Protein backbone atom coordinates (compact mmCIF):
# COMPACT_ATOMS: atom_id res chain seq x y z
CA LEU A 1 -3.12 -6.56 -50.27
CA VAL A 2 -6.60 -4.88 -51.51
CA PRO A 3 -8.66 -2.55 -50.05
CA GLU A 4 -11.12 -5.67 -48.94
CA CYS A 5 -8.06 -6.97 -46.98
CA VAL A 6 -6.19 -3.82 -45.44
CA GLU A 7 -7.06 -0.33 -44.82
CA TYR A 8 -4.49 2.51 -44.85
CA LYS A 9 -4.14 6.17 -44.78
CA THR A 10 -2.65 8.41 -47.55
CA TRP A 11 -0.17 10.05 -45.06
CA GLU A 12 0.68 6.92 -43.34
CA THR A 13 3.94 5.61 -44.65
CA LYS A 14 7.12 3.40 -43.52
CA MET A 15 10.56 2.93 -44.83
CA VAL A 16 11.38 -0.02 -45.91
CA GLU A 17 14.82 -1.58 -46.30
CA LEU A 18 15.57 -3.94 -49.31
CA GLY A 19 19.22 -3.76 -48.96
CA PRO A 20 22.54 -1.92 -47.63
CA ARG A 21 21.76 0.82 -50.21
CA GLU A 22 18.09 0.44 -51.53
CA LYS A 23 15.05 1.82 -49.22
CA VAL A 24 11.54 2.08 -50.12
CA ALA A 25 8.45 4.16 -48.69
CA LEU A 26 5.58 1.92 -48.24
CA PRO A 27 2.24 2.41 -47.12
CA LEU A 28 1.12 1.50 -43.35
CA LEU A 29 -1.10 -1.15 -44.06
CA ASP A 30 -3.68 -2.65 -41.12
CA LYS A 31 -5.22 -6.04 -41.78
CA ILE A 32 -8.99 -6.00 -41.31
CA ILE A 33 -9.39 -9.65 -41.77
CA PRO A 34 -7.43 -12.47 -40.35
CA ASN A 35 -3.85 -13.74 -41.60
CA HIS A 36 -5.63 -17.10 -42.48
CA ALA A 37 -8.75 -15.50 -44.44
CA ILE A 38 -5.99 -13.76 -46.68
CA TRP A 39 -4.12 -16.65 -46.92
CA THR A 40 -7.17 -18.42 -48.15
CA LEU A 41 -7.73 -15.73 -50.38
CA TYR A 42 -4.44 -16.16 -51.90
CA LYS A 43 -4.52 -19.69 -52.76
CA SER A 44 -7.94 -19.11 -54.52
CA LYS A 45 -6.18 -16.66 -56.68
CA ILE A 46 -2.85 -18.12 -57.27
CA GLU A 47 -2.46 -21.68 -59.00
CA ARG A 48 -0.82 -24.33 -56.64
CA GLU A 49 2.63 -24.65 -58.57
CA ASN A 50 3.01 -20.83 -58.42
CA GLN A 51 2.49 -20.55 -54.62
CA ILE A 52 4.93 -20.22 -52.00
CA SER A 53 4.81 -22.04 -48.64
CA ARG A 54 2.07 -20.57 -46.00
CA ALA A 55 5.04 -19.86 -43.34
CA SER A 56 6.80 -17.72 -46.26
CA PHE A 57 3.43 -16.07 -46.88
CA TYR A 58 2.80 -15.46 -43.22
CA LYS A 59 6.59 -13.74 -43.24
CA VAL A 60 5.87 -11.77 -45.81
CA LEU A 61 2.57 -10.58 -44.98
CA GLN A 62 3.79 -9.71 -41.25
CA THR A 63 6.75 -7.56 -43.02
CA LEU A 64 3.88 -5.52 -45.03
CA THR A 65 1.20 -4.92 -42.66
CA SER A 66 3.91 -4.34 -39.49
CA ALA A 67 4.46 -0.69 -37.90
CA GLU A 68 7.68 -2.17 -36.87
CA SER A 69 10.29 -5.22 -38.11
CA SER A 70 13.49 -6.22 -36.59
CA SER A 71 14.85 -6.82 -39.77
CA LEU A 72 13.40 -4.45 -42.54
CA VAL A 73 11.52 -1.45 -41.10
CA ALA A 74 13.47 1.48 -40.31
CA ALA A 75 13.45 3.18 -36.98
CA GLU A 76 10.56 5.41 -37.26
CA SER A 77 8.61 4.39 -34.20
CA PRO A 78 8.18 7.94 -33.04
CA LEU A 79 6.78 8.78 -36.08
CA HIS A 80 4.17 5.90 -35.59
CA THR A 81 3.17 5.91 -32.04
CA GLN A 82 3.42 9.58 -31.57
CA VAL A 83 1.96 11.19 -34.97
CA TYR A 84 0.19 8.20 -36.70
CA GLN A 85 -1.52 6.19 -34.30
CA PRO A 86 -2.69 9.24 -32.37
CA MET A 87 -4.05 10.76 -35.62
CA ARG A 88 -5.85 7.78 -36.41
CA ILE A 89 -7.93 7.99 -33.28
CA VAL A 90 -8.65 11.53 -34.29
CA VAL A 91 -9.96 10.18 -37.46
CA ARG A 92 -12.28 7.90 -35.71
CA ILE A 93 -13.56 10.33 -33.44
CA ILE A 94 -14.06 13.10 -36.28
CA ASN A 95 -16.20 10.17 -38.09
CA ASP A 96 -17.96 9.03 -35.51
CA HIS A 97 -19.05 12.44 -33.78
CA MET A 98 -18.94 15.17 -36.27
CA ALA A 99 -22.61 15.61 -37.46
CA THR A 100 -22.40 17.28 -40.74
CA SER A 101 -20.35 15.87 -43.69
CA SER A 102 -19.09 19.08 -44.95
CA ASN A 103 -17.46 19.84 -41.29
CA ARG A 104 -16.04 16.35 -41.20
CA GLU A 105 -14.42 16.56 -44.70
CA ASN A 106 -12.60 19.98 -43.56
CA LEU A 107 -11.33 18.27 -40.33
CA LEU A 108 -10.05 15.30 -42.23
CA LYS A 109 -8.13 17.61 -44.69
CA GLU A 110 -6.63 19.57 -41.79
CA CYS A 111 -5.34 15.93 -40.14
CA ASP A 112 -3.74 15.41 -43.68
CA VAL A 113 -2.13 18.76 -43.22
CA ILE A 114 -0.81 18.39 -39.54
CA VAL A 115 0.54 14.64 -40.36
CA ARG A 116 2.26 16.25 -43.70
CA PHE A 117 4.02 19.13 -41.40
CA LEU A 118 5.12 17.24 -38.80
CA ARG A 119 6.58 14.49 -40.78
CA ASP A 120 7.91 16.35 -43.93
CA HIS A 121 8.77 19.77 -42.92
CA TYR A 122 8.91 20.44 -39.17
CA GLU A 123 12.70 19.77 -39.33
CA SER A 124 12.92 22.55 -41.52
CA HIS A 125 11.63 24.76 -39.23
CA ALA A 126 13.24 23.48 -35.89
CA VAL A 127 16.79 24.40 -37.33
CA LYS A 128 15.83 28.18 -38.00
CA ASN A 129 17.38 29.28 -34.77
CA ASP A 130 14.98 32.58 -34.31
CA GLU A 131 12.98 33.74 -31.61
CA CYS A 132 10.26 30.96 -32.00
CA ALA A 133 10.24 28.64 -29.42
CA THR A 134 9.36 25.97 -31.45
CA HIS A 135 12.38 26.86 -34.07
CA ASN A 136 15.16 27.02 -31.60
CA ILE A 137 16.86 23.56 -30.56
CA LEU A 138 18.89 25.78 -27.82
CA TYR A 139 16.22 26.78 -26.38
CA GLY A 140 14.00 23.84 -26.64
CA LEU A 141 16.90 21.69 -24.97
CA GLU A 142 17.87 24.34 -22.75
CA LEU A 143 21.48 24.42 -23.84
CA GLU A 144 21.80 28.23 -23.21
CA GLU A 145 20.22 30.62 -20.74
CA TYR A 146 17.25 33.01 -22.11
CA VAL A 147 16.42 36.11 -20.26
CA GLU A 148 12.83 35.72 -21.51
CA GLU A 149 10.43 33.01 -22.32
CA LEU A 150 9.93 32.34 -26.36
CA GLY A 151 6.39 32.06 -27.64
CA VAL A 152 5.27 30.37 -30.58
CA THR A 153 4.97 32.60 -33.46
CA CYS A 154 5.00 30.21 -36.28
CA THR A 155 1.75 29.81 -37.78
CA ALA A 156 2.27 26.30 -39.33
CA CYS A 157 3.86 25.44 -35.62
CA LYS A 158 0.91 26.71 -33.92
CA PHE A 159 -1.68 24.62 -36.19
CA PRO A 160 -1.57 21.28 -34.64
CA PHE A 161 -2.38 22.79 -31.43
CA TYR A 162 -4.98 25.00 -32.93
CA PHE A 163 -6.67 21.89 -34.50
CA MET A 164 -6.75 19.81 -31.36
CA ASP A 165 -8.31 23.02 -29.19
CA LYS A 166 -10.91 23.39 -31.90
CA ILE A 167 -11.97 19.70 -31.51
CA ILE A 168 -11.74 19.49 -28.00
CA ALA A 169 -13.88 22.61 -27.83
CA HIS A 170 -16.72 20.80 -29.81
CA LEU A 171 -16.56 17.72 -27.87
CA PHE A 172 -15.74 18.95 -24.17
CA GLU A 173 -19.05 17.67 -22.82
CA ASN A 174 -17.54 13.95 -23.25
CA HIS A 175 -15.08 13.99 -20.66
CA GLU A 176 -13.46 10.96 -21.85
CA ILE A 177 -12.87 11.77 -25.42
CA ALA A 178 -11.90 15.21 -24.44
CA ALA A 179 -9.16 13.51 -22.11
CA VAL A 180 -8.11 11.12 -25.17
CA LEU A 181 -7.80 14.49 -27.33
CA ARG A 182 -5.62 16.20 -24.65
CA SER A 183 -3.24 13.19 -24.49
CA ILE A 184 -2.82 13.35 -28.28
CA ARG A 185 -2.21 17.06 -28.08
CA GLU A 186 0.55 16.39 -25.76
CA LYS A 187 1.82 13.21 -28.04
CA LEU A 188 2.16 15.71 -31.06
CA LYS A 189 4.21 18.25 -28.96
CA ARG A 190 6.52 14.94 -27.67
CA TYR A 191 7.18 14.38 -31.25
CA MET A 192 8.21 17.75 -31.92
CA GLY A 193 10.77 17.69 -29.04
CA GLN A 194 12.03 14.29 -30.22
CA ARG A 195 12.80 15.62 -33.19
CA MET A 196 14.69 18.28 -31.83
CA ARG A 197 16.75 15.99 -30.07
CA THR A 198 17.41 13.67 -33.01
CA LEU A 199 18.48 17.18 -34.95
CA ARG A 200 20.99 18.13 -32.06
CA SER A 201 22.57 14.54 -32.18
CA GLN A 202 22.95 14.74 -36.02
CA GLN A 203 24.49 17.95 -35.61
CA ILE A 204 27.22 16.76 -33.16
CA LYS A 205 27.59 13.51 -35.19
CA SER A 206 28.21 15.78 -38.38
CA THR A 207 31.44 17.55 -36.54
CA ARG A 208 33.09 14.17 -36.12
CA LYS A 209 31.73 12.00 -38.74
CA LYS A 210 34.12 9.23 -39.84
CA PRO A 211 33.97 8.01 -43.64
CA THR A 212 31.73 4.76 -43.59
CA PRO A 213 33.47 1.81 -45.66
CA GLU A 214 31.80 0.74 -48.88
CA PRO A 215 30.02 -2.55 -48.22
CA ALA A 216 31.40 -5.80 -49.41
CA GLU A 217 29.93 -7.20 -52.71
CA ASP A 218 28.43 -9.84 -51.20
CA GLU A 219 26.16 -7.37 -48.83
CA LEU A 220 24.41 -6.07 -51.83
CA LYS A 221 23.24 -9.48 -52.87
CA THR A 222 20.15 -9.79 -50.66
CA LYS A 223 18.28 -13.12 -50.73
CA ASP A 224 15.73 -12.26 -48.18
CA LEU A 225 12.07 -13.38 -49.12
CA SER A 226 10.42 -10.26 -47.98
CA SER A 227 13.00 -8.13 -49.90
CA HIS A 228 12.22 -10.02 -52.85
CA ALA A 229 8.25 -9.86 -52.47
CA VAL A 230 8.51 -6.00 -51.96
CA ARG A 231 10.29 -5.44 -55.06
CA HIS A 232 7.90 -7.77 -57.39
CA ALA A 233 5.05 -5.96 -55.35
CA LEU A 234 6.14 -2.65 -56.60
CA LYS A 235 7.15 -3.91 -60.25
CA VAL A 236 3.30 -5.40 -60.44
CA CYS A 237 2.19 -1.75 -59.26
CA THR A 238 4.40 -0.11 -61.79
CA GLU A 239 3.02 -1.90 -64.70
CA ASP A 240 -0.52 -1.17 -63.55
CA GLU A 241 -0.38 1.90 -61.73
CA LYS A 242 -4.17 2.72 -61.88
CA GLU A 243 -5.48 -0.74 -60.29
CA TYR A 244 -2.72 -0.59 -57.69
CA ARG A 245 -2.32 3.06 -56.96
CA PHE A 246 -3.41 2.53 -53.30
CA PHE A 247 -0.18 0.70 -52.85
CA HIS A 248 1.99 3.43 -53.00
CA GLY A 249 -0.45 5.52 -50.91
CA GLN A 250 -1.80 7.72 -53.57
CA ILE A 251 -5.43 7.68 -53.17
CA THR A 252 -5.79 11.38 -53.43
CA GLU A 253 -3.87 14.32 -54.77
CA GLU A 254 -1.80 15.97 -52.07
CA LEU A 255 -3.40 19.11 -51.10
CA PRO A 256 -1.29 22.43 -50.58
CA LEU A 257 -0.39 23.10 -46.64
CA ASP A 258 -2.68 25.75 -45.70
CA PHE A 259 -2.14 26.97 -42.07
CA ASP A 260 -3.97 30.24 -42.22
CA ALA A 261 -7.04 29.53 -40.02
CA ALA A 262 -4.31 29.43 -37.27
CA THR A 263 -3.13 32.88 -37.88
CA ASN A 264 -4.83 34.73 -34.96
CA TYR A 265 -4.55 31.69 -32.72
CA GLN A 266 -2.83 31.78 -29.53
CA ILE A 267 -1.70 28.75 -27.22
CA GLU A 268 -3.59 29.23 -23.93
CA ASP A 269 -0.96 27.25 -21.98
CA GLU A 270 1.82 28.17 -24.23
CA SER A 271 4.11 29.28 -21.23
CA GLU A 272 3.82 25.69 -19.51
CA LEU A 273 3.89 23.72 -22.98
CA PHE A 274 7.03 25.66 -24.28
CA CYS A 275 9.17 26.79 -21.65
CA SER A 276 12.86 26.70 -21.86
CA GLY A 277 13.70 22.99 -21.80
CA TRP A 278 10.57 21.76 -23.34
CA ALA A 279 12.03 19.32 -26.00
CA LYS A 280 13.95 17.38 -23.26
CA ARG A 281 13.59 13.96 -23.12
CA PRO A 282 10.64 12.84 -20.92
CA THR A 283 10.99 10.77 -17.74
CA ARG A 284 10.98 7.05 -17.95
CA GLY A 285 7.53 5.65 -18.49
CA ALA A 286 6.06 8.84 -19.99
CA ARG A 287 7.41 9.03 -23.33
CA TYR A 288 4.57 7.85 -25.42
CA LEU A 289 1.65 8.91 -22.88
CA ALA A 290 -0.03 5.51 -23.39
CA GLY A 291 -3.42 5.02 -22.65
CA SER A 292 -4.44 3.87 -19.50
CA ILE A 293 -4.11 -0.13 -18.82
CA SER A 294 -6.49 -0.17 -15.97
CA HIS A 295 -9.82 -0.34 -17.78
CA TYR A 296 -8.39 -3.44 -19.64
CA LEU A 297 -6.61 -5.41 -17.04
CA ASP A 298 -9.39 -7.79 -16.52
CA ASP A 299 -9.75 -8.27 -20.62
CA ILE A 300 -5.97 -8.86 -20.90
CA ARG A 301 -5.98 -11.45 -17.99
CA ASP A 302 -8.89 -13.60 -19.47
CA ILE A 303 -6.94 -13.10 -22.94
CA PHE A 304 -3.93 -14.68 -21.12
CA GLU A 305 -5.43 -17.31 -19.19
CA GLN A 306 -7.64 -18.75 -22.14
CA GLY A 307 -4.22 -18.75 -24.24
CA MET A 308 -2.56 -21.02 -21.23
CA VAL A 309 -5.76 -23.24 -21.19
CA ASP A 310 -5.09 -23.32 -25.15
CA LYS A 311 -1.54 -24.19 -24.33
CA ILE A 312 -0.31 -20.84 -26.48
CA ILE A 313 2.16 -20.04 -24.58
CA ARG A 314 3.22 -17.49 -26.93
CA THR A 315 0.91 -14.68 -26.33
CA LYS A 316 1.80 -11.66 -28.34
CA ALA A 317 0.97 -7.97 -27.18
CA ALA A 318 -0.18 -7.52 -30.97
CA ASP A 319 -2.71 -10.26 -30.87
CA VAL A 320 -4.05 -8.84 -27.65
CA TYR A 321 -4.09 -5.19 -28.55
CA ASP A 322 -6.19 -6.12 -32.15
CA LYS A 323 -8.72 -8.60 -29.74
CA LEU A 324 -9.16 -5.58 -27.23
CA ARG A 325 -9.85 -3.22 -30.36
CA VAL A 326 -12.53 -6.00 -31.50
CA LYS A 327 -14.01 -6.21 -27.98
CA HIS A 328 -13.95 -2.49 -27.53
CA PRO A 329 -14.99 -0.75 -30.84
CA ASP A 330 -16.31 2.33 -29.02
CA ARG A 331 -13.40 3.15 -27.10
CA TYR A 332 -10.64 5.48 -28.11
CA ASP A 333 -7.91 4.81 -25.15
CA TYR A 334 -6.67 1.42 -25.77
CA PRO A 335 -3.00 0.97 -24.02
CA SER A 336 -0.03 0.60 -25.91
CA GLN A 337 1.53 -2.55 -26.93
CA VAL A 338 4.69 -1.74 -24.74
CA ALA A 339 2.28 -1.52 -21.84
CA ILE A 340 0.36 -4.80 -22.78
CA ARG A 341 3.72 -6.78 -23.06
CA SER A 342 4.39 -5.59 -19.61
CA GLU A 343 1.22 -6.86 -18.33
CA LEU A 344 1.62 -10.04 -20.10
CA MET A 345 4.64 -10.48 -18.34
CA ARG A 346 3.61 -9.70 -14.90
CA LEU A 347 0.72 -11.95 -15.41
CA TYR A 348 3.18 -15.09 -16.69
CA ASN A 349 5.89 -14.34 -13.83
CA SER A 350 3.27 -14.38 -11.16
CA GLY A 351 2.01 -17.54 -12.58
CA GLN A 352 4.90 -19.63 -14.07
CA GLY A 353 7.82 -18.20 -11.71
CA ALA A 354 10.17 -17.84 -14.95
CA LYS A 355 10.76 -14.59 -16.97
CA SER A 356 11.38 -15.59 -20.65
CA THR A 357 10.85 -13.72 -23.92
CA ASP A 358 12.43 -13.90 -27.37
CA LEU A 359 13.81 -11.25 -29.40
CA SER A 360 10.53 -9.99 -30.44
CA GLY A 361 8.90 -9.98 -27.19
CA ASN A 362 7.11 -13.03 -27.27
CA ILE A 363 6.76 -14.93 -24.02
CA LYS A 364 8.02 -18.52 -24.29
CA SER A 365 7.06 -21.57 -22.38
CA PRO A 366 9.33 -22.03 -19.49
CA LYS A 367 11.59 -25.42 -19.15
CA LYS A 368 10.01 -28.17 -17.12
CA ASP A 369 11.51 -28.43 -13.60
CA ASP A 370 12.32 -32.15 -13.47
CA SER A 371 13.50 -32.06 -10.08
CA ARG A 372 10.17 -31.29 -8.40
CA ILE A 373 7.45 -33.87 -7.27
CA ALA A 374 4.38 -34.18 -5.69
CA ARG A 375 3.88 -33.06 -2.00
CA ARG A 376 2.46 -36.83 -1.40
CA PHE A 377 5.81 -38.14 -2.34
CA ILE A 378 8.04 -35.42 -0.13
CA GLU A 379 5.48 -36.73 2.59
CA ARG A 380 6.41 -40.27 2.33
CA LEU A 381 10.28 -39.55 2.30
CA GLU A 382 10.02 -37.52 5.24
CA ILE A 383 8.09 -40.37 7.09
CA ILE A 384 11.25 -43.10 5.93
CA LEU A 385 13.52 -40.19 7.27
CA GLN A 386 11.77 -39.98 10.71
CA GLU A 387 11.53 -43.77 11.23
CA ARG A 388 15.36 -44.15 9.92
CA PRO A 389 17.03 -41.02 10.81
CA LYS A 390 20.62 -42.50 9.30
CA ILE A 391 19.07 -44.65 6.43
CA VAL A 392 21.42 -43.83 2.88
CA ALA A 393 19.81 -42.46 -0.35
CA LYS A 394 20.02 -45.79 -1.81
CA SER A 395 18.19 -47.80 0.61
CA ALA A 396 15.65 -44.80 0.94
CA VAL A 397 14.75 -45.00 -2.64
CA LYS A 398 14.06 -48.92 -2.35
CA LEU A 399 11.97 -48.30 0.54
CA PHE A 400 10.12 -45.92 -1.49
CA PHE A 401 9.45 -47.75 -4.34
CA GLN A 402 8.46 -51.11 -2.01
CA HIS A 403 5.75 -48.83 -0.03
CA TYR A 404 3.81 -47.98 -3.16
CA ALA A 405 4.33 -51.27 -4.88
CA ASP A 406 2.66 -52.82 -2.08
CA THR A 407 -0.07 -50.43 -2.11
CA GLY A 408 -0.83 -50.76 -5.52
CA GLU A 409 0.08 -47.54 -6.45
CA GLU A 410 2.26 -47.51 -9.18
CA ALA A 411 1.14 -45.06 -11.48
CA ASN A 412 2.63 -41.52 -12.02
CA LEU A 413 5.56 -42.01 -9.85
CA PRO A 414 8.56 -40.01 -9.92
CA SER A 415 12.05 -41.07 -11.21
CA ALA A 416 14.38 -42.91 -9.03
CA LYS A 417 16.85 -39.78 -9.69
CA GLN A 418 13.93 -37.33 -8.48
CA VAL A 419 13.25 -39.39 -5.30
CA GLN A 420 17.19 -39.28 -4.62
CA GLU A 421 17.40 -35.71 -5.22
CA GLN A 422 14.51 -35.07 -3.05
CA PHE A 423 15.71 -37.31 -0.29
CA SER A 424 19.21 -35.38 -0.07
CA LEU A 425 17.42 -32.10 -0.01
CA LEU A 426 15.41 -33.47 2.93
CA LYS A 427 18.38 -34.56 4.57
CA GLN A 428 20.12 -31.19 4.17
CA GLN A 429 17.46 -29.50 5.41
CA ILE A 430 17.26 -31.39 8.76
CA SER A 431 20.92 -31.47 9.14
CA LYS A 432 20.53 -27.20 8.92
CA LYS A 433 17.85 -27.30 11.38
CA GLN A 434 19.98 -29.23 13.49
CA THR A 435 22.84 -27.09 13.58
CA HIS A 436 20.74 -24.00 13.96
CA ASP A 437 19.39 -25.83 17.34
CA VAL A 438 22.56 -26.37 18.56
CA LEU A 439 23.93 -22.96 18.19
CA GLU A 440 20.34 -21.36 19.38
CA PHE A 441 20.18 -23.65 22.59
CA PRO A 442 23.83 -24.60 23.36
CA SER A 443 24.58 -27.56 25.81
CA MET A 444 24.96 -26.45 29.62
CA ASN A 445 27.49 -29.35 30.34
CA VAL A 446 30.96 -27.89 30.34
C-alpha cells in the first residue's frame, strides 16, 4: 500500500476493530490501480514460499481500502458520507478551478481545519448548552420551547459555512458546480445535527447504563486474517516510520485550528438553517443528500447489462461507482452507492423477476425455475387436451414425446416431470374456466 497504488488524505481516517478490546485508527485509503495490479506487484516483491493466497490477499486489501466493513470497521458512516466524501469533492473543485497556487494552498488548509473541527472538536461545542444554536442540544432537537430563535454566534461553528459560501461566490457562474457545493454545505450541517442526536442518545443511555460483562478468554484470541495483517503492518511501520509514515496519516504536521476569518461572517439563511429543531432526523430518503442519479441511469444500465452478458450476476454498487468515476472524471455529482444499489436492484427485479441480495448488498443469481418450459411445448399439450379432454397425465406425457419422436425433434425437450406438471396446470386452468362459465351463465333448465 504505497502512494503509487493508493491515494489518501491526512484527515481521512477510520477506526478498525482488531479485537474486543483493541481498536486502531488507520488512514482511509482509495485504490488508484485495480486489485489484480496490486496483486501482481505483491507477487513480484514477495518470495513465493512467503506469499499468502490470492483470496486471502484480496480479503486483506478489501479491509484496508474499504470505508465500511461488515466485520472490522466501526460505525463511522455519517463521518465518511457527510464529511470525508464531500470534502474530497471540494478538494477536487479547488484543484481544478482555483487559478493561483497560493489561493489553492490556503483553501486546502481551510479544508483540513473544517474536517478536523467537525471530526474531533464539534462534540465539545454541542454540549455547552448556551445561547448558540449549534451549542444547544435541547434547542437543536426541539426538546424545549424557545421564545426567540437562537443564532450561530460561535466563530468555529460558522467557519464551515463561511468557507463554503466563499467558494460558491467564487464559482457562482458555473451553475453545476455551485449546486454541488450547496449540497455539500447542507451535508456539513446534517453531520452536525447527527452528532447532536448521537450525544443526546448517549446522555440518555448513561442514566440507565448497565455494567457490561467481561469478555471470555477465548474472545480475546482473534485469528482473523485481516486483524493479523493490520498488526503486522503497524509493526513494520513502527520499525521504519520514515518510509511508512503515510500509513499513519501523518504526511504533514497538523496546523493549529484558526477560525478568525469567520469572525465577522453572518450566515445568510441562518434563520432557516438553524431554527428550533434543526438537528432533528431528516425525512426518509433525504439523510445523505446523494447526488442526482438521473444523469447516470443509462451508464448504470449499460454496466448492469454487460455484467449479465458476461455472467457476472454479482454486480456490486462499489464497482459501478468506480466505473462511473472513470467514465466521468470531470463531474462532481456522482450518486451514492446506496442509490446505485437501489437502481441495480430495480433493473434486476424488472429483468429477472426475483429479488435476492447477500449481506453485503451484492446481487445474487436467482435459482433456476425448473417448472417452466418453452411456449411451443405448452401449445402441444393444449392440442392434446383439445383432442382428448379426458386423457390422464401419464397418457398425455406419452403422446407428447411420441409426437416429437415422429417429427424427429428430440433435442432440448423438457423432462417428463416438467411435462406432467405443465399438463396438470393446464387441466386446472380449464377446470376453473368451466366452473366460471357455469356460474356466469347458469342453465335455464329447472
